[in-house]
Structure formats: structure tokens, C-alpha cells
Amino acid sequence: MIIRIATIDDLPAIVAIYNQSVVAGHATADLNPLSVEERRPWFTSHAPDSYPIFVCVEDGRVLGWSSLSAYRFGREALRRTSEISYYVRSDAQRRGVGTRLVKHTIEQAQTRSIKVLFGILFETNRGSVALLKKFGFEQWAYLPDVADIEGELVSHLYYGRKL
């Protein structure tokens, strides 16, 4: 497995992986799958030198991806704070892909002078909670019942870590 910066050619695989999470539920606030064209602006907003998207590739196949995103873009005082996101193909889960992506993304955040990193996830996403805790993230915020997933109210958690 290798991890590298994503290119526009990876976008269909990135969207397919994301859409698996949309369909599975409780991993993203999107309730309907997105098209590649709908995700293109998101992709182009992630400049490789500041807020990159990474892909984990094995035998030419994208197994998962992660990204760094600006927090409150344009607000200078928050320029050293970033959000981490990551998604893994359903058939590649429990193979260390998520662990490798999070580790790599943390390392890359440090090279970009990011001082605070946080992930936003649903309380029901136990796998992501465990993965972030494994890397020293702590729960910083709890927003009770803010998401409605098919009639079920779900709480949002913010897990953060100083780098």
C-alpha cells in the first residue's frame, strides 16, 4: 500500500468510497449519494500544498482517502486549525487502511504548520471514535441530537488534538 496526494483522476474512486459511507449511514451527514461533478468543487478547493487529499492505493486500486480541510476558511486566527476526514472502501476495512491514512495525514498536517487537528463524527460511528482515540484525539465537543438520519436523532462529536 502506498499513500500519495490525490489527482483529479482519483476523484471517481474517492466519490465511490464516500458514497458507500452515505448508503451505509452514520458516517456522513449526506443522505444521498453524490456525483463526481457535485464533488469536483470540493476536490479543487483542496490545494495539495495547504489542504491536500490523500489516497491509499494498492495494486492500482484506491482503498481509501483522507483530507485536511480549512476550518472557517479566511479567518486568519484559525489558519493553523484543520479538520481531518477519512473514508475507507467497505471491502478494505479492518486492514489498517484507516490507521495508515490518519497517521499519514497527521504527519502531513505537521509539515504544513497546522497546530490543531479535529475530526467531526457521529456518536454512533464507534470505529472512527476508536481510531481517533488511538492517535491521541480527545472529545472536545458534543452536539446532542443535531442530525436526523431517517428519523433517528444522532449526536455530533468533535474530537481534537494539538499537534
Protein backbone atom coordinates (compact mmCIF):
# COMPACT_ATOMS: atom_id res chain seq x y z
CA MET A 1 0.00 0.00 0.00
CA ILE A 2 1.15 3.50 -0.79
CA ILE A 3 -0.30 6.84 0.22
CA ARG A 4 0.01 9.75 -2.16
CA ILE A 5 -1.65 13.06 -2.97
CA ALA A 6 -4.84 12.52 -4.92
CA THR A 7 -5.18 13.65 -8.52
CA ILE A 8 -8.33 14.52 -10.41
CA ASP A 9 -8.17 11.02 -11.94
CA ASP A 10 -8.78 9.63 -8.43
CA LEU A 11 -11.99 11.59 -7.97
CA PRO A 12 -14.37 8.85 -9.26
CA ALA A 13 -12.86 6.36 -6.77
CA ILE A 14 -12.98 8.94 -3.96
CA VAL A 15 -16.64 9.64 -4.68
CA ALA A 16 -17.47 5.92 -4.88
CA ILE A 17 -15.89 5.33 -1.46
CA TYR A 18 -17.69 8.33 0.01
CA ASN A 19 -20.99 7.14 -1.45
CA GLN A 20 -20.53 3.74 0.20
CA SER A 21 -20.50 5.62 3.51
CA VAL A 22 -23.55 7.65 2.52
CA VAL A 23 -25.50 4.47 1.76
CA ALA A 24 -24.27 2.67 4.90
CA GLY A 25 -25.33 5.63 7.06
CA HIS A 26 -23.95 7.18 10.23
CA ALA A 27 -20.60 8.11 8.65
CA THR A 28 -21.54 11.39 6.96
CA ALA A 29 -24.36 13.90 7.07
CA ASP A 30 -25.08 13.47 3.37
CA LEU A 31 -28.16 11.31 2.96
CA ASN A 32 -28.00 10.77 -0.81
CA PRO A 33 -25.07 9.69 -2.96
CA LEU A 34 -23.21 12.44 -4.78
CA SER A 35 -21.99 12.58 -8.35
CA VAL A 36 -18.41 13.13 -9.41
CA GLU A 37 -19.42 16.52 -10.81
CA GLU A 38 -21.00 17.53 -7.50
CA ARG A 39 -17.74 16.72 -5.69
CA ARG A 40 -15.45 18.44 -8.20
CA PRO A 41 -15.61 21.89 -6.46
CA TRP A 42 -14.78 20.23 -3.13
CA PHE A 43 -11.82 18.46 -4.75
CA THR A 44 -10.45 21.59 -6.41
CA SER A 45 -10.75 23.54 -3.15
CA HIS A 46 -8.16 21.22 -1.59
CA ALA A 47 -4.81 22.58 -2.78
CA PRO A 48 -2.08 19.94 -2.34
CA ASP A 49 0.31 22.39 -0.67
CA SER A 50 -2.16 23.51 2.01
CA TYR A 51 -5.23 21.27 2.32
CA PRO A 52 -4.43 18.06 0.45
CA ILE A 53 -6.47 14.97 -0.26
CA PHE A 54 -4.56 11.71 0.07
CA VAL A 55 -5.35 8.30 -1.37
CA CYS A 56 -4.22 4.91 -0.17
CA VAL A 57 -3.56 2.74 -3.20
CA GLU A 58 -2.84 -0.95 -3.56
CA ASP A 59 -2.33 -2.66 -6.93
CA GLY A 60 -3.64 0.44 -8.69
CA ARG A 61 -6.88 0.48 -6.69
CA VAL A 62 -7.86 3.28 -4.31
CA LEU A 63 -8.68 1.66 -0.95
CA GLY A 64 -9.39 4.84 0.98
CA TRP A 65 -8.80 8.55 1.18
CA SER A 66 -8.23 11.28 3.72
CA SER A 67 -8.15 15.05 3.62
CA LEU A 68 -7.21 18.17 5.51
CA SER A 69 -9.77 20.96 5.28
CA ALA A 70 -9.66 24.56 6.36
CA TYR A 71 -11.59 25.45 9.49
CA ARG A 72 -13.54 28.69 8.95
CA PHE A 73 -11.59 29.46 5.77
CA GLY A 74 -10.35 33.02 5.52
CA ARG A 75 -10.36 33.70 9.26
CA GLU A 76 -6.69 34.36 9.85
CA ALA A 77 -6.66 33.48 13.56
CA LEU A 78 -7.83 29.93 12.67
CA ARG A 79 -5.27 29.30 9.90
CA ARG A 80 -3.39 26.70 11.99
CA THR A 81 -6.52 24.64 12.70
CA SER A 82 -7.69 21.96 10.28
CA GLU A 83 -10.31 19.25 10.00
CA ILE A 84 -9.30 15.69 9.18
CA SER A 85 -11.65 13.43 7.22
CA TYR A 86 -11.12 9.85 6.07
CA TYR A 87 -13.11 7.11 4.38
CA VAL A 88 -12.21 3.51 3.53
CA ARG A 89 -13.77 1.18 0.95
CA SER A 90 -16.09 -1.27 2.65
CA ASP A 91 -14.12 -4.26 1.29
CA ALA A 92 -10.83 -2.79 2.59
CA GLN A 93 -11.92 -2.06 6.15
CA ARG A 94 -10.11 -3.72 9.06
CA ARG A 95 -6.89 -3.96 7.03
CA GLY A 96 -5.14 -0.95 8.55
CA VAL A 97 -6.05 1.45 5.74
CA GLY A 98 -7.74 3.94 8.07
CA THR A 99 -4.85 3.77 10.52
CA ARG A 100 -2.31 4.40 7.76
CA LEU A 101 -4.33 7.30 6.35
CA VAL A 102 -4.82 9.01 9.71
CA LYS A 103 -1.15 8.59 10.63
CA HIS A 104 -0.03 9.99 7.28
CA THR A 105 -2.48 12.88 7.44
CA ILE A 106 -1.32 13.86 10.93
CA GLU A 107 2.30 13.79 9.78
CA GLN A 108 1.46 15.90 6.74
CA ALA A 109 -0.52 18.38 8.83
CA GLN A 110 2.57 18.96 10.95
CA THR A 111 4.65 19.77 7.85
CA ARG A 112 2.05 22.38 6.90
CA SER A 113 2.30 24.21 10.24
CA ILE A 114 -1.09 23.01 11.41
CA LYS A 115 -1.19 23.11 15.19
CA VAL A 116 -4.71 21.83 15.92
CA LEU A 117 -6.49 18.99 14.17
CA PHE A 118 -10.03 17.81 14.73
CA GLY A 119 -12.50 15.34 13.32
CA ILE A 120 -16.26 15.70 13.29
CA LEU A 121 -18.22 12.47 13.51
CA PHE A 122 -21.46 10.96 14.63
CA GLU A 123 -21.61 9.47 18.09
CA THR A 124 -22.81 6.21 16.51
CA ASN A 125 -19.60 5.87 14.45
CA ARG A 126 -17.73 3.79 17.02
CA GLY A 127 -14.98 2.75 14.59
CA SER A 128 -13.99 6.36 13.92
CA VAL A 129 -14.16 7.26 17.59
CA ALA A 130 -11.76 4.39 18.37
CA LEU A 131 -9.43 5.32 15.51
CA LEU A 132 -9.15 8.95 16.58
CA LYS A 133 -8.59 7.96 20.21
CA LYS A 134 -5.81 5.63 19.05
CA PHE A 135 -3.99 8.73 17.75
CA GLY A 136 -4.48 10.78 20.90
CA PHE A 137 -7.60 12.70 19.93
CA GLU A 138 -9.97 13.60 22.75
CA GLN A 139 -13.61 14.55 22.72
CA TRP A 140 -13.78 18.34 22.69
CA ALA A 141 -17.44 18.93 21.88
CA TYR A 142 -20.78 17.17 21.98
CA LEU A 143 -23.73 18.47 19.99
CA PRO A 144 -26.76 16.43 21.08
CA ASP A 145 -29.30 15.21 18.53
CA VAL A 146 -28.32 17.63 15.75
CA ALA A 147 -28.61 15.17 12.85
CA ASP A 148 -31.74 13.43 11.61
CA ILE A 149 -30.84 10.17 9.89
CA GLU A 150 -34.03 8.51 8.67
CA GLY A 151 -35.97 9.75 11.69
CA GLU A 152 -33.26 8.89 14.22
CA LEU A 153 -31.69 11.84 16.02
CA VAL A 154 -27.94 11.43 16.21
CA SER A 155 -25.38 13.49 18.12
CA HIS A 156 -22.28 15.05 16.60
CA LEU A 157 -18.89 14.76 18.29
CA TYR A 158 -15.80 16.87 17.78
CA TYR A 159 -12.56 15.02 18.54
CA GLY A 160 -9.46 17.20 18.66
CA ARG A 161 -5.77 17.01 19.14
CA LYS A 162 -2.97 19.55 19.41
CA LEU A 163 -0.02 18.70 17.21
